[in-house]
Amino acid sequence: MGQALYRKYRSKSLSEIVGQEHITDTLAKALSKGRISHAYLFSGPRGVGKTSIARILAHEINGLPYTDDAAHLDIIEIDAASNRRIDEIRDLRDKVYIAPTSGKFKVYIIDEVHMLTREAFNALLKTLEEPPAHVVFILATTEAHKLPETIVSRTQHYTFKPVEQQKVVDHLRHIATKENVEIDDAALSLLAAHGGGSFRDSISLLDQARSIDTIIASDDVRLLLGIAPDVVIDDIISCLAHPGMTSRLMQLIGSLYGQGLQAASIAGQLCGSLRASIVRGKPLLPVDQSLQLMKNLIEVPASRNPERLLEILLLEASDTSTLHSAVVLPTTTPSVFTPPVAQPAHIPIEDIRPATIPQKTHELPVSAKSIDTLKESGATPAVEEVHVAVTKQLGPSVAVVLDEKVWPQVLDSIKKEYNTLYGVLRMAHPIFTTDGVELQMKFAFHQKRLSEAKNKKIIADFIKKITGTDVRIDCTYSKDIKPGAHPTSKPSATGTKPAGLETISNIFGGGELL
């Protein structure tokens, strides 16, 4: 039976340890000066060298050679996961007083020490604080936060870090060369990335990959690890960025499932791709949408039905993507939406002026005469004077009427301060009534968002800022409408004109209102 590569190439001295120089250099200097602590604590991710350094340190302390086959009575390894009860620790506490047989020190290496019970920790505490002079404890754990502070405070704590990916790649290449395995750099990078900064995991993957063939390519590694091609992941995100591509999205997900890929793996790759784009400063989706999607995708591996959950999350994200108009999309896929053109700050008074009014202006400003005086004299005021006069008599509420001409201004104003809300609102089909506006939404998700009290208040405040009137806002759901359809007006039940326009007509005589 062949020996596993991670055991065959395990470091035998502190100088051979890769990626933990901040720890090995400190320990080497302490050993050279004879400064040996009675207790050490090594914490960090799995597979980064905690146990290897513990064994090397135990042999260095005793001046013993370190080989895999060597077994010394004075170096005792204990797996706390299977010896976690108080009885085992009491037995250890009784044996520590036995003098070493051949070495200078009796070294106890307790792996996964966080697995000990509370009673076991209490039994170990006194011995750990004041052990016999010939005893050294080396504790190792992947979850240091689970250790009592009383234990941590009685040790020299060394924190291990994940190994940099390039160092893992270099080490894997060194092993592959010695094992006569031909593997390209892309494949090595995949193994290192999938190893997550763990030497042991990455080397185990290399050991598994060499069973495929003596020449290993990146496609072989992808097939082995169940990793989707980058181009497919990019296509999925592109579908999320483009509205109306849910069919293509489901086809891509279905093809990955058909190749045997797991939903958890796909979710992890999507998270990684979105994160990388944000780090580069060129997010593939709007940052708020990317963060929400990443947060949701993290839940996929723990789901009872990860495949369906992944599909639901992506469909929801695809629906939400229609809310954003500022996404930078690949040039190969056309954008469906065109941002609305900015409108004037107010509706020109010509739009409400009777068509029969000539352009002759009055010689006196309106401020010098009342509207009644103007009407009796038969004089024709200028456009600006009409605006002032109407505003003075009727108030600012009739200065601008909420209709399909004003609606783009409302959208543009909201976009400047509430881009996400604007994205939802621009999908609405507004129907204007005498007392407000009815917002019809094709998707129930959008209708629910707009129906929130805070969002309705924001919309109403912006409308009042532009028109000067308080309006009623109703949000309804209708699957038959087209998102962003042309606005329409709904006549009142009695068929009468709005009060403001009727008053203007009475003041200046009959005429067609434009």
Protein backbone atom coordinates (compact mmCIF):
# COMPACT_ATOMS: atom_id res chain seq x y z
CA MET A 1 0.00 0.00 0.00
CA GLY A 2 1.43 3.36 -1.05
CA GLN A 3 1.93 6.15 1.44
CA ALA A 4 -0.25 9.24 1.13
CA LEU A 5 1.58 12.23 -0.32
CA TYR A 6 0.76 14.53 2.59
CA ARG A 7 2.44 12.06 4.95
CA LYS A 8 5.33 11.33 2.62
CA TYR A 9 6.19 15.02 2.26
CA ARG A 10 5.44 16.13 5.82
CA SER A 11 8.04 18.59 7.10
CA LYS A 12 10.68 17.13 9.43
CA SER A 13 12.23 20.37 10.68
CA LEU A 14 11.17 23.94 11.34
CA SER A 15 13.13 25.13 8.28
CA GLU A 16 10.97 22.94 6.01
CA ILE A 17 7.70 24.49 7.18
CA VAL A 18 6.21 26.72 4.46
CA GLY A 19 3.96 29.70 5.04
CA GLN A 20 4.30 30.02 8.85
CA GLU A 21 7.65 31.81 9.07
CA HIS A 22 6.34 34.18 11.76
CA ILE A 23 6.01 31.14 14.04
CA THR A 24 8.94 28.95 13.00
CA ASP A 25 11.45 31.82 13.24
CA THR A 26 10.28 32.68 16.76
CA LEU A 27 10.43 29.07 17.95
CA ALA A 28 13.84 28.52 16.37
CA LYS A 29 15.28 31.53 18.20
CA ALA A 30 13.71 30.43 21.49
CA LEU A 31 15.20 26.93 21.12
CA SER A 32 18.64 28.32 20.34
CA LYS A 33 18.53 30.33 23.58
CA GLY A 34 17.09 27.48 25.63
CA ARG A 35 13.91 29.40 26.42
CA ILE A 36 11.29 26.68 26.60
CA SER A 37 7.79 27.41 27.86
CA HIS A 38 5.82 24.94 29.95
CA ALA A 39 2.75 25.27 27.64
CA TYR A 40 2.13 26.25 24.02
CA LEU A 41 -1.14 26.80 22.17
CA PHE A 42 -1.24 26.47 18.37
CA SER A 43 -4.48 27.66 16.74
CA GLY A 44 -5.48 28.14 13.12
CA PRO A 45 -7.17 26.51 10.10
CA ARG A 46 -6.80 22.84 9.37
CA GLY A 47 -3.87 21.55 7.37
CA VAL A 48 -1.53 24.51 7.87
CA GLY A 49 1.12 22.76 10.00
CA LYS A 50 -0.03 22.91 13.63
CA THR A 51 0.50 19.23 14.39
CA SER A 52 3.69 19.06 12.31
CA ILE A 53 5.26 21.94 14.22
CA ALA A 54 4.08 20.44 17.52
CA ARG A 55 5.86 17.18 16.73
CA ILE A 56 8.98 18.92 15.47
CA LEU A 57 9.07 21.11 18.59
CA ALA A 58 8.62 18.09 20.87
CA HIS A 59 11.59 16.35 19.24
CA GLU A 60 13.73 19.50 19.19
CA ILE A 61 13.11 20.06 22.90
CA ASN A 62 14.37 16.56 23.66
CA GLY A 63 17.15 16.61 21.09
CA LEU A 64 15.65 13.60 19.30
CA PRO A 65 15.59 12.93 15.54
CA TYR A 66 12.15 13.21 13.95
CA THR A 67 10.99 10.59 11.49
CA ASP A 68 7.54 9.19 10.79
CA ASP A 69 8.57 5.79 12.10
CA ALA A 70 10.03 7.10 15.34
CA ALA A 71 8.03 6.50 18.53
CA HIS A 72 9.28 7.92 21.81
CA LEU A 73 7.79 7.16 25.18
CA ASP A 74 8.38 10.74 26.31
CA ILE A 75 6.27 12.27 23.50
CA ILE A 76 2.60 11.48 24.07
CA GLU A 77 -0.08 12.51 21.56
CA ILE A 78 -3.68 12.70 22.76
CA ASP A 79 -6.71 13.19 20.54
CA ALA A 80 -9.08 15.31 22.62
CA ALA A 81 -11.97 14.47 20.31
CA SER A 82 -11.98 10.86 21.55
CA ASN A 83 -10.45 11.48 25.02
CA ARG A 84 -12.51 14.44 26.11
CA ARG A 85 -13.96 13.32 29.42
CA ILE A 86 -12.75 14.20 32.87
CA ASP A 87 -11.58 10.62 33.54
CA GLU A 88 -8.96 10.76 30.77
CA ILE A 89 -7.66 14.12 32.00
CA ARG A 90 -7.47 12.85 35.57
CA ASP A 91 -5.42 9.91 34.32
CA LEU A 92 -3.13 12.33 32.46
CA ARG A 93 -2.81 14.49 35.59
CA ASP A 94 -1.62 11.50 37.59
CA LYS A 95 0.95 10.43 34.96
CA VAL A 96 2.63 13.79 34.45
CA TYR A 97 4.60 13.29 37.65
CA ILE A 98 6.38 10.26 36.19
CA ALA A 99 9.86 11.32 35.07
CA PRO A 100 10.82 11.03 31.36
CA THR A 101 12.55 7.80 30.37
CA SER A 102 15.14 8.96 27.84
CA GLY A 103 14.52 12.59 26.96
CA LYS A 104 14.86 15.81 28.91
CA PHE A 105 11.14 16.51 28.93
CA LYS A 106 7.90 14.63 28.80
CA VAL A 107 5.85 16.38 26.09
CA TYR A 108 2.07 16.07 25.86
CA ILE A 109 0.56 17.04 22.49
CA ILE A 110 -3.22 17.46 22.87
CA ASP A 111 -4.83 17.82 19.44
CA GLU A 112 -8.27 19.43 18.96
CA VAL A 113 -8.14 20.52 22.58
CA HIS A 114 -11.35 22.55 22.21
CA MET A 115 -13.27 19.24 22.28
CA LEU A 116 -12.61 18.72 26.00
CA THR A 117 -15.58 19.03 28.31
CA ARG A 118 -15.85 21.84 30.84
CA GLU A 119 -15.07 19.43 33.67
CA ALA A 120 -12.02 18.15 31.80
CA PHE A 121 -10.75 21.71 31.31
CA ASN A 122 -11.16 22.36 35.03
CA ALA A 123 -9.21 19.20 35.83
CA LEU A 124 -6.43 20.22 33.42
CA LEU A 125 -6.22 23.84 34.56
CA LYS A 126 -4.15 23.41 37.73
CA THR A 127 -1.70 21.02 36.09
CA LEU A 128 -1.35 23.30 33.07
CA GLU A 129 -0.67 26.29 35.29
CA GLU A 130 1.98 24.63 37.47
CA PRO A 131 3.20 21.45 35.79
CA PRO A 132 6.27 19.53 36.98
CA ALA A 133 9.53 20.97 35.66
CA HIS A 134 10.00 18.04 33.25
CA VAL A 135 6.60 18.42 31.51
CA VAL A 136 5.70 20.53 28.46
CA PHE A 137 2.17 20.83 27.07
CA ILE A 138 1.49 21.63 23.38
CA LEU A 139 -2.19 22.26 22.67
CA ALA A 140 -3.51 22.43 19.11
CA THR A 141 -6.96 23.55 17.96
CA THR A 142 -8.86 24.86 14.97
CA GLU A 143 -11.33 26.72 17.22
CA ALA A 144 -9.45 28.69 19.83
CA HIS A 145 -12.54 30.75 20.69
CA LYS A 146 -14.03 27.66 22.36
CA LEU A 147 -11.21 27.45 24.89
CA PRO A 148 -11.72 28.98 28.34
CA GLU A 149 -9.74 32.16 28.87
CA THR A 150 -8.16 30.58 31.93
CA ILE A 151 -6.55 27.94 29.68
CA VAL A 152 -5.41 30.38 26.98
CA SER A 153 -3.86 32.75 29.51
CA ARG A 154 -1.56 30.01 30.81
CA THR A 155 0.02 29.26 27.41
CA GLN A 156 2.17 30.89 24.76
CA HIS A 157 -0.39 31.37 21.99
CA TYR A 158 0.72 31.11 18.36
CA THR A 159 -1.86 31.85 15.65
CA PHE A 160 -1.40 30.08 12.31
CA LYS A 161 -2.71 31.61 9.09
CA PRO A 162 -3.92 30.11 5.80
CA VAL A 163 -1.05 29.58 3.39
CA GLU A 164 -0.84 31.96 0.43
CA GLN A 165 -2.10 30.35 -2.75
CA GLN A 166 1.11 30.94 -4.70
CA LYS A 167 3.16 29.21 -2.00
CA VAL A 168 0.79 26.24 -2.14
CA VAL A 169 1.15 26.13 -5.95
CA ASP A 170 4.95 26.18 -5.69
CA HIS A 171 4.91 23.40 -3.11
CA LEU A 172 2.53 21.27 -5.20
CA ARG A 173 4.75 21.76 -8.23
CA HIS A 174 7.76 20.60 -6.18
CA ILE A 175 5.91 17.44 -5.11
CA ALA A 176 4.61 16.77 -8.63
CA THR A 177 8.12 17.01 -10.03
CA LYS A 178 9.43 14.51 -7.50
CA GLU A 179 6.54 12.16 -8.24
CA ASN A 180 7.02 12.47 -12.05
CA VAL A 181 3.53 13.89 -12.51
CA GLU A 182 3.02 16.32 -15.42
CA ILE A 183 0.45 18.94 -14.46
CA ASP A 184 -0.04 22.44 -15.87
CA ASP A 185 -0.04 25.63 -13.83
CA ALA A 186 -3.79 26.18 -14.30
CA ALA A 187 -4.51 22.77 -12.79
CA LEU A 188 -2.17 23.46 -9.87
CA SER A 189 -3.91 26.79 -9.25
CA LEU A 190 -7.28 25.03 -9.17
CA LEU A 191 -6.00 22.50 -6.64
CA ALA A 192 -4.52 25.23 -4.46
CA ALA A 193 -7.68 27.37 -4.64
CA HIS A 194 -9.90 24.39 -3.80
CA GLY A 195 -7.59 23.54 -0.90
CA GLY A 196 -8.52 26.84 0.76
CA GLY A 197 -5.04 27.63 2.09
CA SER A 198 -4.57 24.15 3.55
CA PHE A 199 -1.41 22.28 2.56
CA ARG A 200 -2.83 18.93 3.61
CA ASP A 201 -6.05 19.37 1.62
CA SER A 202 -4.22 20.62 -1.47
CA ILE A 203 -1.67 17.78 -1.39
CA SER A 204 -4.46 15.24 -0.90
CA LEU A 205 -6.19 16.62 -3.99
CA LEU A 206 -2.95 16.30 -5.96
CA ASP A 207 -2.68 12.72 -4.74
CA GLN A 208 -6.20 12.11 -6.00
CA ALA A 209 -5.58 13.86 -9.34
CA ARG A 210 -2.50 11.84 -10.21
CA SER A 211 -4.71 8.77 -10.37
CA ILE A 212 -6.31 10.22 -13.52
CA ASP A 213 -3.22 10.14 -15.71
CA THR A 214 0.46 11.02 -15.73
CA ILE A 215 -0.42 14.20 -17.65
CA ILE A 216 -3.03 16.32 -15.89
CA ALA A 217 -4.79 19.35 -17.40
CA SER A 218 -7.07 21.92 -15.82
CA ASP A 219 -10.17 20.30 -17.39
CA ASP A 220 -9.28 17.02 -15.67
CA VAL A 221 -9.06 18.81 -12.33
CA ARG A 222 -12.39 20.59 -12.91
CA LEU A 223 -14.05 17.27 -13.64
CA LEU A 224 -12.46 15.74 -10.55
CA LEU A 225 -13.44 18.58 -8.22
CA GLY A 226 -16.88 19.15 -9.71
CA ILE A 227 -16.09 22.74 -10.68
CA ALA A 228 -18.09 24.53 -13.36
CA PRO A 229 -16.15 26.21 -16.18
CA ASP A 230 -15.57 29.91 -15.59
CA VAL A 231 -17.34 30.77 -18.84
CA VAL A 232 -20.56 29.15 -17.57
CA ILE A 233 -20.38 31.03 -14.27
CA ASP A 234 -19.90 34.26 -16.25
CA ASP A 235 -22.91 33.38 -18.41
CA ILE A 236 -25.07 32.85 -15.31
CA ILE A 237 -24.10 36.25 -13.90
CA SER A 238 -24.72 37.81 -17.31
CA CYS A 239 -28.25 36.38 -17.24
CA LEU A 240 -28.76 37.95 -13.82
CA ALA A 241 -27.63 41.31 -15.18
CA HIS A 242 -30.00 41.17 -18.16
CA PRO A 243 -33.78 41.14 -17.66
CA GLY A 244 -35.80 38.61 -19.55
CA MET A 245 -33.19 35.84 -19.63
CA THR A 246 -34.67 33.49 -17.05
CA SER A 247 -35.07 30.73 -19.64
CA ARG A 248 -31.38 30.86 -20.52
CA LEU A 249 -30.52 30.99 -16.80
CA MET A 250 -32.47 27.80 -16.07
CA GLN A 251 -30.88 26.06 -19.04
CA LEU A 252 -27.40 26.82 -17.72
CA ILE A 253 -28.23 25.60 -14.21
CA GLY A 254 -29.87 22.45 -15.62
CA SER A 255 -26.81 21.68 -17.77
CA LEU A 256 -24.52 21.94 -14.72
CA TYR A 257 -26.79 19.61 -12.75
CA GLY A 258 -26.73 17.22 -15.71
CA GLN A 259 -22.92 17.13 -15.53
CA GLY A 260 -23.11 16.05 -11.90
CA LEU A 261 -22.17 19.39 -10.33
CA GLN A 262 -23.54 20.10 -6.89
CA ALA A 263 -25.56 23.18 -6.02
CA ALA A 264 -23.21 23.99 -3.11
CA SER A 265 -20.22 24.05 -5.47
CA ILE A 266 -22.03 26.27 -8.00
CA ALA A 267 -23.11 28.66 -5.24
CA GLY A 268 -19.53 28.85 -3.97
CA GLN A 269 -18.21 29.69 -7.43
CA LEU A 270 -20.85 32.38 -7.94
CA CYS A 271 -19.94 33.91 -4.58
CA GLY A 272 -16.26 33.86 -5.46
CA SER A 273 -16.81 35.47 -8.85
CA LEU A 274 -19.04 38.23 -7.44
CA ARG A 275 -16.59 38.92 -4.63
CA ALA A 276 -13.62 39.07 -7.01
CA SER A 277 -15.43 41.57 -9.24
CA ILE A 278 -16.14 43.82 -6.25
CA VAL A 279 -12.52 43.62 -5.09
CA ARG A 280 -11.37 44.61 -8.61
CA GLY A 281 -13.66 47.63 -8.45
CA LYS A 282 -15.69 46.42 -11.44
CA PRO A 283 -18.75 44.69 -9.96
CA LEU A 284 -20.62 42.45 -12.37
CA LEU A 285 -23.89 43.40 -10.66
CA PRO A 286 -24.79 46.46 -8.55
CA VAL A 287 -22.94 46.17 -5.25
CA ASP A 288 -26.07 46.03 -3.08
CA GLN A 289 -27.54 43.28 -5.25
CA SER A 290 -24.22 41.38 -5.27
CA LEU A 291 -23.93 41.50 -1.48
CA GLN A 292 -27.50 40.32 -0.95
CA LEU A 293 -27.06 37.48 -3.44
CA MET A 294 -23.75 36.41 -1.86
CA LYS A 295 -25.39 36.44 1.57
CA ASN A 296 -28.18 34.20 0.30
CA LEU A 297 -25.88 31.83 -1.60
CA ILE A 298 -23.97 31.06 1.60
CA GLU A 299 -27.11 29.31 2.86
CA VAL A 300 -27.27 26.88 -0.08
CA PRO A 301 -24.89 24.15 1.24
CA ALA A 302 -26.84 23.85 4.52
CA SER A 303 -30.23 23.65 2.83
CA ARG A 304 -32.30 20.45 2.83
CA ASN A 305 -32.90 20.97 -0.88
CA PRO A 306 -29.89 22.96 -2.14
CA GLU A 307 -30.74 22.55 -5.86
CA ARG A 308 -34.17 24.15 -5.54
CA LEU A 309 -32.92 26.84 -3.18
CA LEU A 310 -30.18 27.81 -5.65
CA GLU A 311 -32.71 28.08 -8.46
CA ILE A 312 -35.05 30.23 -6.35
CA LEU A 313 -32.24 32.58 -5.29
CA LEU A 314 -31.05 33.04 -8.87
CA LEU A 315 -34.57 33.64 -10.17
CA GLU A 316 -35.16 36.22 -7.46
CA ALA A 317 -31.85 37.88 -8.31
CA SER A 318 -32.80 37.89 -11.98
CA ASP A 319 -36.08 39.57 -11.08
CA THR A 320 -34.27 42.13 -8.93
CA SER A 321 -31.75 42.86 -11.67
CA THR A 322 -34.48 44.63 -13.63
CA LEU A 323 -34.51 47.24 -10.86
CA HIS A 324 -31.04 48.49 -11.74
CA SER A 325 -30.11 50.54 -14.77
CA ALA A 326 -26.51 51.42 -13.95
CA VAL A 327 -25.00 47.95 -14.41
CA VAL A 328 -22.02 47.75 -16.77
CA LEU A 329 -22.88 44.85 -19.06
CA PRO A 330 -20.74 42.96 -21.59
CA THR A 331 -20.90 44.45 -25.06
CA THR A 332 -21.84 41.08 -26.55
CA THR A 333 -25.34 41.22 -24.99
CA PRO A 334 -27.54 44.24 -25.68
CA SER A 335 -29.23 46.03 -22.82
CA VAL A 336 -33.02 45.89 -22.83
CA PHE A 337 -33.68 49.10 -20.96
CA THR A 338 -32.89 52.72 -21.92
CA PRO A 339 -32.51 55.18 -19.03
CA PRO A 340 -35.23 57.84 -19.04
CA VAL A 341 -34.33 61.25 -20.46
CA ALA A 342 -34.15 63.99 -17.85
CA GLN A 343 -37.21 66.30 -17.99
CA PRO A 344 -37.50 70.04 -17.21
CA ALA A 345 -37.81 71.03 -13.58
CA HIS A 346 -41.43 72.19 -14.13
CA ILE A 347 -44.15 71.95 -16.76
CA PRO A 348 -44.18 75.10 -18.99
CA ILE A 349 -47.27 77.19 -18.48
CA GLU A 350 -47.98 76.96 -22.23
CA ASP A 351 -49.20 73.42 -21.65
CA ILE A 352 -52.17 74.67 -19.61
CA ARG A 353 -52.80 77.94 -21.48
CA PRO A 354 -56.11 78.22 -23.43
CA ALA A 355 -55.37 77.84 -27.12
CA THR A 356 -57.29 81.02 -28.02
CA ILE A 357 -55.14 83.36 -25.89
CA PRO A 358 -53.05 85.60 -28.17
CA GLN A 359 -49.41 86.35 -27.39
CA LYS A 360 -50.04 90.04 -26.71
CA THR A 361 -48.86 91.01 -23.24
CA HIS A 362 -50.46 93.42 -20.76
CA GLU A 363 -48.69 96.66 -20.10
CA LEU A 364 -48.98 96.37 -16.31
CA PRO A 365 -47.67 93.53 -14.13
CA VAL A 366 -50.25 91.27 -12.56
CA SER A 367 -49.01 92.23 -9.12
CA ALA A 368 -50.55 95.68 -9.66
CA LYS A 369 -54.01 94.37 -10.50
CA SER A 370 -56.16 91.56 -9.21
CA ILE A 371 -57.30 88.72 -11.43
CA ASP A 372 -60.85 90.05 -11.29
CA THR A 373 -59.67 93.42 -12.62
CA LEU A 374 -57.86 91.72 -15.48
CA LYS A 375 -60.96 89.75 -16.37
CA GLU A 376 -63.22 92.80 -16.35
CA SER A 377 -60.83 94.89 -18.43
CA GLY A 378 -60.57 92.22 -21.10
CA ALA A 379 -56.76 92.53 -21.10
CA THR A 380 -54.69 89.50 -22.05
CA PRO A 381 -51.86 88.76 -19.57
CA ALA A 382 -48.52 87.28 -20.58
CA VAL A 383 -47.66 83.63 -19.95
CA GLU A 384 -45.53 84.45 -16.91
CA GLU A 385 -48.32 86.63 -15.50
CA VAL A 386 -50.80 83.77 -15.87
CA HIS A 387 -48.51 81.52 -13.85
CA VAL A 388 -48.18 84.13 -11.08
CA ALA A 389 -51.87 84.94 -11.06
CA VAL A 390 -53.04 81.36 -10.90
CA THR A 391 -50.57 80.59 -8.16
CA LYS A 392 -51.71 83.56 -6.08
CA GLN A 393 -55.41 82.83 -6.36
CA LEU A 394 -55.44 79.04 -6.34
CA GLY A 395 -52.21 78.28 -4.47
CA PRO A 396 -49.21 76.25 -5.62
CA SER A 397 -51.23 73.00 -5.71
CA VAL A 398 -52.41 73.64 -9.26
CA ALA A 399 -49.08 74.86 -10.61
CA VAL A 400 -48.34 71.38 -11.99
CA VAL A 401 -50.77 68.50 -12.55
CA LEU A 402 -49.52 64.95 -12.01
CA ASP A 403 -49.82 63.22 -15.37
CA GLU A 404 -47.75 61.32 -17.95
CA LYS A 405 -45.71 64.47 -18.66
CA VAL A 406 -44.73 65.02 -15.03
CA TRP A 407 -44.12 61.34 -14.20
CA PRO A 408 -40.60 61.22 -15.81
CA GLN A 409 -39.62 64.15 -13.57
CA VAL A 410 -40.75 62.20 -10.51
CA LEU A 411 -38.70 59.20 -11.60
CA ASP A 412 -35.63 61.33 -12.34
CA SER A 413 -35.82 63.07 -8.95
CA ILE A 414 -36.16 59.78 -7.05
CA LYS A 415 -33.30 58.22 -9.04
CA LYS A 416 -30.87 60.85 -7.75
CA GLU A 417 -31.41 59.89 -4.09
CA TYR A 418 -33.01 56.43 -4.06
CA ASN A 419 -31.60 54.45 -6.97
CA THR A 420 -32.94 51.07 -5.82
CA LEU A 421 -36.45 52.43 -5.29
CA TYR A 422 -36.21 54.11 -8.69
CA GLY A 423 -35.39 50.75 -10.23
CA VAL A 424 -38.63 49.29 -8.88
CA LEU A 425 -40.72 52.36 -9.65
CA ARG A 426 -39.63 52.60 -13.29
CA MET A 427 -41.12 49.13 -13.81
CA ALA A 428 -44.56 50.37 -12.75
CA HIS A 429 -47.40 51.17 -15.11
CA PRO A 430 -48.86 54.38 -13.64
CA ILE A 431 -52.56 55.18 -14.06
CA PHE A 432 -53.28 58.77 -13.06
CA THR A 433 -56.52 59.64 -11.27
CA THR A 434 -57.98 62.89 -10.02
CA ASP A 435 -56.64 62.35 -6.52
CA GLY A 436 -53.43 60.42 -7.12
CA VAL A 437 -51.84 57.59 -9.03
CA GLU A 438 -52.33 53.82 -9.23
CA LEU A 439 -49.05 51.91 -9.75
CA GLN A 440 -49.63 48.57 -11.45
CA MET A 441 -46.79 46.02 -11.18
CA LYS A 442 -46.28 42.89 -13.25
CA PHE A 443 -44.45 41.11 -10.44
CA ALA A 444 -45.84 40.60 -6.94
CA PHE A 445 -42.33 41.08 -5.54
CA HIS A 446 -42.23 44.62 -6.96
CA GLN A 447 -45.76 45.38 -5.78
CA LYS A 448 -44.83 44.32 -2.26
CA ARG A 449 -41.76 46.57 -2.27
CA LEU A 450 -43.70 49.63 -3.41
CA SER A 451 -46.51 48.95 -0.91
CA GLU A 452 -44.14 49.41 2.01
CA ALA A 453 -45.11 52.51 3.96
CA LYS A 454 -41.66 54.08 3.83
CA ASN A 455 -41.43 53.71 0.04
CA LYS A 456 -44.92 55.13 -0.55
CA LYS A 457 -44.04 58.12 1.64
CA ILE A 458 -40.85 58.78 -0.33
CA ILE A 459 -42.78 58.70 -3.63
CA ALA A 460 -45.53 60.94 -2.26
CA ASP A 461 -42.99 63.44 -0.91
CA PHE A 462 -41.25 63.73 -4.27
CA ILE A 463 -44.56 64.16 -6.09
CA LYS A 464 -45.58 66.91 -3.66
CA LYS A 465 -42.21 68.61 -4.12
CA ILE A 466 -42.81 68.75 -7.90
CA THR A 467 -46.59 69.33 -8.09
CA GLY A 468 -47.29 70.99 -4.77
CA THR A 469 -50.11 68.59 -3.95
CA ASP A 470 -50.63 65.62 -1.69
CA VAL A 471 -51.61 62.56 -3.70
CA ARG A 472 -52.94 59.12 -2.96
CA ILE A 473 -50.74 56.22 -4.05
CA ASP A 474 -52.15 52.74 -4.65
CA CYS A 475 -49.93 49.77 -5.58
CA THR A 476 -51.61 46.88 -7.39
CA TYR A 477 -50.51 43.64 -9.02
CA SER A 478 -51.44 42.75 -12.58
CA LYS A 479 -49.62 40.01 -14.45
CA ASP A 480 -51.05 41.19 -17.79
CA ILE A 481 -49.23 44.51 -17.99
CA LYS A 482 -45.83 45.13 -19.51
CA PRO A 483 -43.19 46.56 -17.13
CA GLY A 484 -42.64 50.25 -17.79
CA ALA A 485 -45.70 50.49 -20.09
CA HIS A 486 -46.78 53.94 -21.27
CA PRO A 487 -48.61 55.84 -18.50
CA THR A 488 -52.37 56.36 -18.81
CA SER A 489 -54.94 58.53 -17.13
CA LYS A 490 -58.17 57.33 -15.59
CA PRO A 491 -61.07 59.80 -15.85
CA SER A 492 -63.05 60.57 -12.74
CA ALA A 493 -66.36 58.89 -12.14
CA THR A 494 -68.35 62.02 -13.00
CA GLY A 495 -66.25 62.94 -15.99
CA THR A 496 -65.54 66.43 -14.58
CA LYS A 497 -62.31 68.30 -15.02
CA PRO A 498 -59.83 68.75 -12.16
CA ALA A 499 -60.75 71.71 -9.99
CA GLY A 500 -57.65 73.71 -10.91
CA LEU A 501 -58.15 73.52 -14.68
CA GLU A 502 -61.86 74.34 -14.39
CA THR A 503 -61.04 77.50 -12.41
CA ILE A 504 -58.49 78.59 -15.02
CA SER A 505 -61.09 78.10 -17.73
CA ASN A 506 -63.61 80.24 -15.82
CA ILE A 507 -61.07 83.03 -15.42
CA PHE A 508 -59.89 83.28 -19.02
CA GLY A 509 -62.90 82.06 -20.94
CA GLY A 510 -63.52 78.93 -22.98
CA GLY A 511 -60.89 77.20 -25.01
CA GLU A 512 -59.19 73.89 -25.61
CA LEU A 513 -56.88 72.87 -22.77
CA LEU A 514 -53.62 71.28 -23.92
